Amino acid sequence: MFIGHACLAFALAALGAHRLGWSRGTALRVAVLAGAFATVPDVDVVYGIAGLLAPAAGSGPIPVESFWDAGNQVHRGVTHALPVALVVTVAVGLLARSDRSSQAVAGLLFVGLVAIVTTISGPLAGAVATLFVLTSAGVAVIARRRGVPPGIVTSAALVGLASHPFGDLFTGSPPALLYPFDLTVVSERVVLSANDTLHLLGAFGFELATIWLAVLAYFVIAGDRPLAHVDRRAVVGVAYAGAALALPAPTLDVSYHFVFSVLAVGVVGIAPPSLERLQTRRAALTALTAVSLAALAYATVFVLLGP
């Protein structure tokens, strides 16, 4: 999950606000903010930069592997914990207020959280927690300066931060959902298939589904139909089925050749290239449809041929 985290939070917030009868503008604001907050927990991968420096010093594996080996030491820990998300949500809600006393309490909550994490898990986890709270605070400050009410900021933070870890259950190690409590909710990632390639395709399909959910949520609020903005060129994506015969079967460990090539199919959304097409919803929806058809066609051929 990458874009999927933001899209899932956007869709949940948008549809929730729409259900509550909020105006279109308010629903979109809370949805965009929720999407922004949903990306914040992954700031913990910044530590992977340390892994990039290892090969340069003459030790360690290739750069990409080094990045993830280092990043995974702290990834999906403190920043992906629901108790931490609740504390940060309260803090950013207070920070979004205009009065100094509320902002001071927010600062104390942030400092206290970092101190507790450092005491329990050490300085590295404390540094990650510091980056996490600073990034969250930055989103809240930007929202406040743009006149977003504290209630909307709080709602968006709760949806974004709390939904993020659940999107990580299909790839890699499961997040520490209840950190700092010594309780394990999920010990292993959710396996969609015993076959590594089918599991990868399922996880990729889940991320595409979250993107489509966000698109549908936007058009529900806008009162429009998404398919009305899809160009027929998108059917070209079906031709990607041939990649199942030409490319090595991808897995979670080696997936770059599949991911990059299937995403490249989306170029049909802006073909022939033009600045005007790049600026239209039609280009984006055509590209998304082409990629979705490409992934579905690839999976169909792979299943028919037999894993």
Protein backbone atom coordinates (compact mmCIF):
# COMPACT_ATOMS: atom_id res chain seq x y z
CA MET A 1 0.00 0.00 0.00
CA PHE A 2 1.32 3.42 -0.99
CA ILE A 3 -1.29 5.61 -2.64
CA GLY A 4 -3.88 3.22 -1.26
CA HIS A 5 -3.51 4.52 2.30
CA ALA A 6 -4.45 8.05 1.28
CA CYS A 7 -7.23 6.85 -1.02
CA LEU A 8 -8.82 4.61 1.61
CA ALA A 9 -8.84 7.43 4.17
CA PHE A 10 -10.14 9.89 1.57
CA ALA A 11 -13.01 7.57 0.67
CA LEU A 12 -13.95 6.77 4.27
CA ALA A 13 -13.94 10.44 5.27
CA ALA A 14 -15.75 11.62 2.14
CA LEU A 15 -18.51 9.03 2.31
CA GLY A 16 -18.84 9.45 6.07
CA ALA A 17 -19.18 13.23 5.76
CA HIS A 18 -21.64 12.83 2.89
CA ARG A 19 -23.68 10.40 4.97
CA LEU A 20 -23.79 12.94 7.81
CA GLY A 21 -25.18 15.52 5.41
CA TRP A 22 -22.13 17.77 5.38
CA SER A 23 -21.76 20.15 2.46
CA ARG A 24 -19.71 19.17 -0.57
CA GLY A 25 -16.93 21.60 0.32
CA THR A 26 -16.69 20.41 3.93
CA ALA A 27 -16.77 16.76 2.90
CA LEU A 28 -13.95 17.27 0.42
CA ARG A 29 -11.86 19.21 2.93
CA VAL A 30 -12.09 16.52 5.57
CA ALA A 31 -11.43 13.85 2.94
CA VAL A 32 -8.31 15.55 1.58
CA LEU A 33 -7.00 16.11 5.10
CA ALA A 34 -7.70 12.48 6.03
CA GLY A 35 -5.74 11.38 2.97
CA ALA A 36 -2.83 13.61 4.01
CA PHE A 37 -2.81 12.25 7.57
CA ALA A 38 -2.98 8.70 6.22
CA THR A 39 0.40 9.12 4.54
CA VAL A 40 2.14 10.40 7.69
CA PRO A 41 2.77 7.01 9.43
CA ASP A 42 5.11 5.98 6.62
CA VAL A 43 7.61 8.69 7.55
CA ASP A 44 9.31 5.90 9.49
CA VAL A 45 10.85 4.60 6.25
CA VAL A 46 13.09 7.67 6.24
CA TYR A 47 15.46 5.64 8.39
CA GLY A 48 16.04 3.51 5.29
CA ILE A 49 18.34 6.29 4.05
CA ALA A 50 20.89 4.90 6.48
CA GLY A 51 20.84 1.71 4.46
CA LEU A 52 21.64 3.61 1.28
CA LEU A 53 24.83 4.90 2.89
CA ALA A 54 26.09 1.41 3.73
CA PRO A 55 26.92 0.31 0.14
CA ALA A 56 28.62 3.65 -0.40
CA ALA A 57 30.90 2.82 2.52
CA GLY A 58 31.79 -0.50 0.95
CA SER A 59 29.49 -2.78 2.91
CA GLY A 60 25.96 -4.08 2.71
CA PRO A 61 23.77 -5.32 -0.19
CA ILE A 62 22.60 -3.39 -3.22
CA PRO A 63 21.03 0.03 -2.48
CA VAL A 64 17.35 -0.94 -2.82
CA GLU A 65 17.76 -3.92 -0.50
CA SER A 66 19.82 -1.85 1.93
CA PHE A 67 17.10 0.81 2.06
CA TRP A 68 14.40 -1.68 3.00
CA ASP A 69 16.63 -3.70 5.36
CA ALA A 70 17.37 -0.55 7.34
CA GLY A 71 13.88 0.92 7.07
CA ASN A 72 12.22 -2.29 8.25
CA GLN A 73 14.04 -2.02 11.59
CA VAL A 74 11.55 0.67 12.62
CA HIS A 75 8.83 0.41 9.95
CA ARG A 76 5.28 -0.35 11.08
CA GLY A 77 6.12 0.16 14.72
CA VAL A 78 5.27 3.22 16.78
CA THR A 79 3.84 5.20 13.85
CA HIS A 80 1.38 2.42 13.02
CA ALA A 81 0.02 1.89 16.54
CA LEU A 82 -3.61 2.71 17.30
CA PRO A 83 -2.96 4.03 20.86
CA VAL A 84 -0.33 6.38 19.42
CA ALA A 85 -2.76 7.43 16.69
CA LEU A 86 -5.34 8.38 19.31
CA VAL A 87 -2.86 10.52 21.25
CA VAL A 88 -1.66 12.26 18.09
CA THR A 89 -5.27 12.81 16.99
CA VAL A 90 -6.09 14.59 20.25
CA ALA A 91 -2.88 16.62 19.99
CA VAL A 92 -3.41 17.81 16.41
CA GLY A 93 -7.02 18.66 17.25
CA LEU A 94 -5.79 20.93 20.03
CA LEU A 95 -3.04 22.32 17.82
CA ALA A 96 -5.65 23.26 15.23
CA ARG A 97 -7.30 25.60 17.74
CA SER A 98 -6.39 29.27 17.74
CA ASP A 99 -5.92 29.72 21.49
CA ARG A 100 -2.42 29.41 22.95
CA SER A 101 -3.46 27.24 25.89
CA SER A 102 -4.78 24.46 23.62
CA GLN A 103 -1.64 24.63 21.49
CA ALA A 104 0.52 24.40 24.62
CA VAL A 105 -1.33 21.26 25.76
CA ALA A 106 -0.81 19.81 22.27
CA GLY A 107 2.91 20.45 22.58
CA LEU A 108 3.00 18.70 25.96
CA LEU A 109 1.19 15.69 24.52
CA PHE A 110 3.69 15.49 21.68
CA VAL A 111 6.70 15.80 23.98
CA GLY A 112 5.24 13.30 26.43
CA LEU A 113 4.59 10.79 23.65
CA VAL A 114 8.16 11.03 22.34
CA ALA A 115 9.55 10.69 25.89
CA ILE A 116 7.49 7.55 26.56
CA VAL A 117 8.48 5.95 23.25
CA THR A 118 12.16 6.74 23.85
CA THR A 119 12.02 5.27 27.36
CA ILE A 120 10.29 2.09 26.21
CA SER A 121 11.96 1.43 22.86
CA GLY A 122 15.16 3.46 22.79
CA PRO A 123 16.52 6.52 20.96
CA LEU A 124 15.93 5.24 17.42
CA ALA A 125 12.21 4.72 18.06
CA GLY A 126 12.18 8.08 19.83
CA ALA A 127 13.67 9.77 16.77
CA VAL A 128 11.04 8.15 14.55
CA ALA A 129 8.29 9.26 16.94
CA THR A 130 9.69 12.80 16.84
CA LEU A 131 9.54 12.86 13.06
CA PHE A 132 6.04 11.41 13.18
CA VAL A 133 4.64 14.05 15.55
CA LEU A 134 6.40 16.89 13.74
CA THR A 135 4.91 15.81 10.41
CA SER A 136 1.46 15.39 11.94
CA ALA A 137 1.75 18.80 13.56
CA GLY A 138 2.81 20.29 10.24
CA VAL A 139 -0.35 19.02 8.54
CA ALA A 140 -2.47 20.43 11.39
CA VAL A 141 -0.78 23.84 11.26
CA ILE A 142 -1.26 24.09 7.49
CA ALA A 143 -4.94 23.21 7.93
CA ARG A 144 -5.34 25.81 10.69
CA ARG A 145 -3.75 28.53 8.60
CA ARG A 146 -6.15 27.69 5.79
CA GLY A 147 -9.07 28.19 8.12
CA VAL A 148 -10.07 24.55 8.55
CA PRO A 149 -12.12 24.16 11.78
CA PRO A 150 -10.49 22.09 14.58
CA GLY A 151 -13.32 19.56 14.49
CA ILE A 152 -12.63 18.74 10.86
CA VAL A 153 -8.88 18.46 11.53
CA THR A 154 -9.53 16.08 14.42
CA SER A 155 -11.95 13.93 12.39
CA ALA A 156 -9.53 13.79 9.46
CA ALA A 157 -6.60 12.85 11.69
CA LEU A 158 -8.56 10.05 13.34
CA VAL A 159 -9.67 8.54 10.03
CA GLY A 160 -6.27 8.91 8.37
CA LEU A 161 -4.03 7.71 11.19
CA ALA A 162 -6.32 4.92 12.42
CA SER A 163 -7.06 3.46 8.98
CA HIS A 164 -3.43 3.37 7.82
CA PRO A 165 -2.16 0.22 9.61
CA PHE A 166 -5.01 -1.95 8.34
CA GLY A 167 -3.90 -1.40 4.76
CA ASP A 168 -0.54 -2.98 5.66
CA LEU A 169 -1.92 -6.35 6.68
CA PHE A 170 -1.37 -7.85 3.22
CA THR A 171 2.30 -7.02 2.65
CA GLY A 172 5.40 -7.47 4.75
CA SER A 173 5.34 -7.82 8.52
CA PRO A 174 2.08 -6.80 10.26
CA PRO A 175 2.05 -3.48 12.12
CA ALA A 176 2.33 -3.23 15.90
CA LEU A 177 -1.32 -2.24 16.29
CA LEU A 178 -1.36 -1.93 20.09
CA TYR A 179 2.14 -0.58 20.80
CA PRO A 180 3.35 0.16 23.49
CA PHE A 181 1.21 -2.59 25.05
CA ASP A 182 2.65 -6.08 24.79
CA LEU A 183 -0.37 -7.45 22.94
CA THR A 184 -0.29 -8.99 19.48
CA VAL A 185 -3.42 -8.62 17.38
CA VAL A 186 -2.04 -9.97 14.10
CA SER A 187 1.17 -12.02 14.19
CA GLU A 188 1.51 -12.65 10.46
CA ARG A 189 0.40 -10.85 7.32
CA VAL A 190 -2.95 -11.79 5.85
CA VAL A 191 -2.26 -14.31 3.09
CA LEU A 192 -4.60 -13.96 0.13
CA SER A 193 -3.16 -17.03 -1.58
CA ALA A 194 -0.54 -19.68 -0.85
CA ASN A 195 0.94 -18.82 -4.24
CA ASP A 196 3.26 -15.82 -3.91
CA THR A 197 2.30 -14.35 -7.27
CA LEU A 198 -1.44 -14.64 -6.67
CA HIS A 199 -0.95 -13.04 -3.27
CA LEU A 200 0.90 -10.13 -4.88
CA LEU A 201 -1.80 -9.75 -7.53
CA GLY A 202 -4.44 -9.77 -4.81
CA ALA A 203 -2.60 -7.10 -2.81
CA PHE A 204 -2.16 -5.00 -5.96
CA GLY A 205 -5.85 -5.44 -6.72
CA PHE A 206 -6.72 -4.32 -3.20
CA GLU A 207 -4.75 -1.11 -3.68
CA LEU A 208 -6.45 -0.48 -7.02
CA ALA A 209 -9.78 -1.05 -5.30
CA THR A 210 -9.00 1.63 -2.71
CA ILE A 211 -8.16 4.07 -5.50
CA TRP A 212 -11.45 3.30 -7.24
CA LEU A 213 -13.27 3.69 -3.93
CA ALA A 214 -11.78 7.17 -3.56
CA VAL A 215 -12.78 8.03 -7.14
CA LEU A 216 -16.33 6.81 -6.57
CA ALA A 217 -16.54 8.73 -3.28
CA TYR A 218 -15.49 11.93 -5.04
CA PHE A 219 -18.06 11.48 -7.80
CA VAL A 220 -20.81 10.63 -5.31
CA ILE A 221 -20.19 13.98 -3.64
CA ALA A 222 -19.88 15.75 -6.99
CA GLY A 223 -23.06 14.13 -8.31
CA ASP A 224 -21.34 12.88 -11.46
CA ARG A 225 -20.59 9.51 -13.10
CA PRO A 226 -16.90 8.45 -13.33
CA LEU A 227 -17.37 6.25 -16.41
CA ALA A 228 -18.50 9.31 -18.36
CA HIS A 229 -14.88 10.49 -18.13
CA VAL A 230 -13.20 7.27 -19.33
CA ASP A 231 -11.90 7.23 -22.90
CA ARG A 232 -12.31 4.02 -24.90
CA ARG A 233 -8.52 3.90 -25.33
CA ALA A 234 -8.46 2.32 -21.86
CA VAL A 235 -9.28 -1.10 -23.38
CA VAL A 236 -5.69 -1.18 -24.63
CA GLY A 237 -4.84 -2.30 -21.11
CA VAL A 238 -6.20 -5.77 -21.90
CA ALA A 239 -3.17 -6.32 -24.17
CA TYR A 240 -1.01 -6.48 -21.04
CA ALA A 241 -2.25 -10.06 -20.65
CA GLY A 242 0.72 -11.05 -22.80
CA ALA A 243 3.05 -9.97 -20.01
CA ALA A 244 2.01 -13.07 -18.07
CA LEU A 245 3.80 -15.06 -20.77
CA ALA A 246 6.77 -12.76 -21.27
CA LEU A 247 7.74 -11.68 -17.74
CA PRO A 248 8.94 -13.77 -14.79
CA ALA A 249 6.17 -14.34 -12.26
CA PRO A 250 6.37 -11.50 -9.69
CA THR A 251 6.35 -11.98 -5.91
CA LEU A 252 6.42 -9.63 -2.93
CA ASP A 253 10.21 -9.99 -2.86
CA VAL A 254 10.70 -9.32 -6.59
CA SER A 255 7.84 -7.28 -8.01
CA TYR A 256 9.43 -4.22 -9.63
CA HIS A 257 9.24 -5.53 -13.20
CA PHE A 258 5.50 -6.17 -12.82
CA VAL A 259 4.58 -3.02 -10.90
CA PHE A 260 6.48 -0.59 -13.11
CA SER A 261 5.36 -2.19 -16.37
CA VAL A 262 1.67 -2.44 -15.44
CA LEU A 263 1.65 1.16 -14.24
CA ALA A 264 3.26 2.21 -17.52
CA VAL A 265 0.09 1.02 -19.27
CA GLY A 266 -1.58 4.09 -17.78
CA VAL A 267 0.20 6.27 -20.33
CA VAL A 268 -2.77 5.68 -22.64
CA GLY A 269 -4.59 8.19 -20.48
CA ILE A 270 -2.47 11.01 -21.85
CA ALA A 271 -1.87 9.72 -25.37
CA PRO A 272 -1.34 11.60 -27.56
CA PRO A 273 0.72 13.62 -25.05
CA SER A 274 -0.56 17.09 -24.36
CA LEU A 275 -0.58 19.46 -21.41
CA GLU A 276 -4.34 19.74 -21.71
CA ARG A 277 -4.79 16.00 -21.23
CA LEU A 278 -2.49 16.01 -18.21
CA GLN A 279 -4.80 18.51 -16.55
CA THR A 280 -8.06 16.67 -17.02
CA ARG A 281 -9.95 14.10 -14.96
CA ARG A 282 -10.49 12.20 -18.20
CA ALA A 283 -6.76 11.46 -18.48
CA ALA A 284 -6.53 10.22 -14.89
CA LEU A 285 -9.62 8.02 -15.09
CA THR A 286 -8.62 6.60 -18.47
CA ALA A 287 -5.17 5.77 -17.10
CA LEU A 288 -6.63 4.15 -13.98
CA THR A 289 -9.07 2.09 -16.03
CA ALA A 290 -6.29 0.95 -18.37
CA VAL A 291 -4.10 -0.14 -15.46
CA SER A 292 -7.02 -1.94 -13.82
CA LEU A 293 -7.85 -3.81 -17.02
CA ALA A 294 -4.17 -4.65 -17.47
CA ALA A 295 -3.88 -6.11 -13.96
CA LEU A 296 -7.11 -8.08 -14.40
CA ALA A 297 -6.02 -9.43 -17.79
CA TYR A 298 -2.61 -10.44 -16.42
CA ALA A 299 -4.19 -12.21 -13.45
CA THR A 300 -6.68 -14.02 -15.69
CA VAL A 301 -3.97 -15.40 -17.97
CA PHE A 302 -1.79 -16.35 -15.00
CA VAL A 303 -4.63 -18.29 -13.37
CA LEU A 304 -5.64 -19.99 -16.64
CA LEU A 305 -2.08 -21.13 -17.29
CA GLY A 306 -1.84 -22.45 -13.74
CA PRO A 307 0.45 -21.06 -11.02
